[in-house]
């Protein structure tokens, strides 16, 4: 799943509107909409704010090469 899909799906599971998410994460509504449409280019800081509100965590791993 891509970031936009994860955020949108989790937000809907929690029953949070885009406006509520924006307010709780202290970011603009336009930013939330852009991210969910796959059009945004959010900073890591913005992503962290969103995933904290949604109860998610970000994990970085070294890619496995073939």
Protein backbone atom coordinates (compact mmCIF):
# COMPACT_ATOMS: atom_id res chain seq x y z
CA UNK A 1 0.00 0.00 0.00
CA UNK A 2 1.14 3.52 -0.75
CA UNK A 3 1.24 6.24 1.91
CA UNK A 4 -1.87 7.97 0.56
CA UNK A 5 -3.87 4.73 0.69
CA UNK A 6 -2.70 3.88 4.22
CA UNK A 7 -3.62 7.31 5.57
CA UNK A 8 -7.02 7.44 3.88
CA UNK A 9 -7.96 3.88 4.87
CA UNK A 10 -6.90 4.30 8.49
CA UNK A 11 -8.67 7.66 8.77
CA UNK A 12 -11.89 6.09 7.51
CA UNK A 13 -11.56 3.08 9.84
CA UNK A 14 -11.29 5.50 12.76
CA UNK A 15 -14.25 7.54 11.51
CA UNK A 16 -12.23 10.75 11.33
CA UNK A 17 -13.03 13.35 8.69
CA UNK A 18 -10.29 15.02 6.68
CA UNK A 19 -10.98 18.25 8.55
CA UNK A 20 -10.72 16.52 11.93
CA UNK A 21 -7.43 14.91 10.93
CA UNK A 22 -6.05 18.26 9.76
CA UNK A 23 -7.04 19.95 13.01
CA UNK A 24 -5.70 17.16 15.24
CA UNK A 25 -2.42 16.98 13.32
CA UNK A 26 -2.18 20.79 13.19
CA UNK A 27 -1.80 20.88 9.41
CA UNK A 28 -3.97 22.37 6.69
CA UNK A 29 -6.99 20.64 5.23
CA UNK A 30 -5.50 21.18 1.78
CA UNK A 31 -2.41 19.21 2.85
CA UNK A 32 -4.53 16.25 3.99
CA UNK A 33 -6.54 16.30 0.77
CA UNK A 34 -3.41 16.49 -1.38
CA UNK A 35 -1.75 13.61 0.47
CA UNK A 36 -4.83 11.40 0.20
CA UNK A 37 -5.04 12.12 -3.54
CA UNK A 38 -1.40 11.18 -3.96
CA UNK A 39 -0.64 14.73 -5.08
CA UNK A 40 1.12 16.01 -2.00
CA UNK A 41 4.80 15.89 -1.21
CA UNK A 42 4.68 16.05 2.59
CA UNK A 43 7.73 16.46 4.77
CA UNK A 44 8.65 13.70 7.21
CA UNK A 45 7.48 16.04 9.98
CA UNK A 46 4.03 16.34 8.44
CA UNK A 47 3.78 12.59 7.96
CA UNK A 48 4.80 12.05 11.59
CA UNK A 49 2.03 14.37 12.78
CA UNK A 50 -0.55 12.49 10.72
CA UNK A 51 0.54 8.99 11.69
CA UNK A 52 0.66 9.94 15.36
CA UNK A 53 -2.98 11.04 15.19
CA UNK A 54 -3.91 7.84 13.34
CA UNK A 55 -2.07 5.55 15.75
CA UNK A 56 0.41 4.37 13.14
CA UNK A 57 4.18 4.12 13.15
CA UNK A 58 6.78 4.58 10.47
CA UNK A 59 9.44 1.89 10.08
CA UNK A 60 12.50 2.25 7.90
CA UNK A 61 14.19 -0.89 6.65
CA UNK A 62 17.09 -1.62 4.37
CA UNK A 63 15.78 -2.92 1.06
CA UNK A 64 16.40 -6.52 0.27
CA UNK A 65 18.27 -6.87 -2.99
CA UNK A 66 17.94 -9.76 -5.38
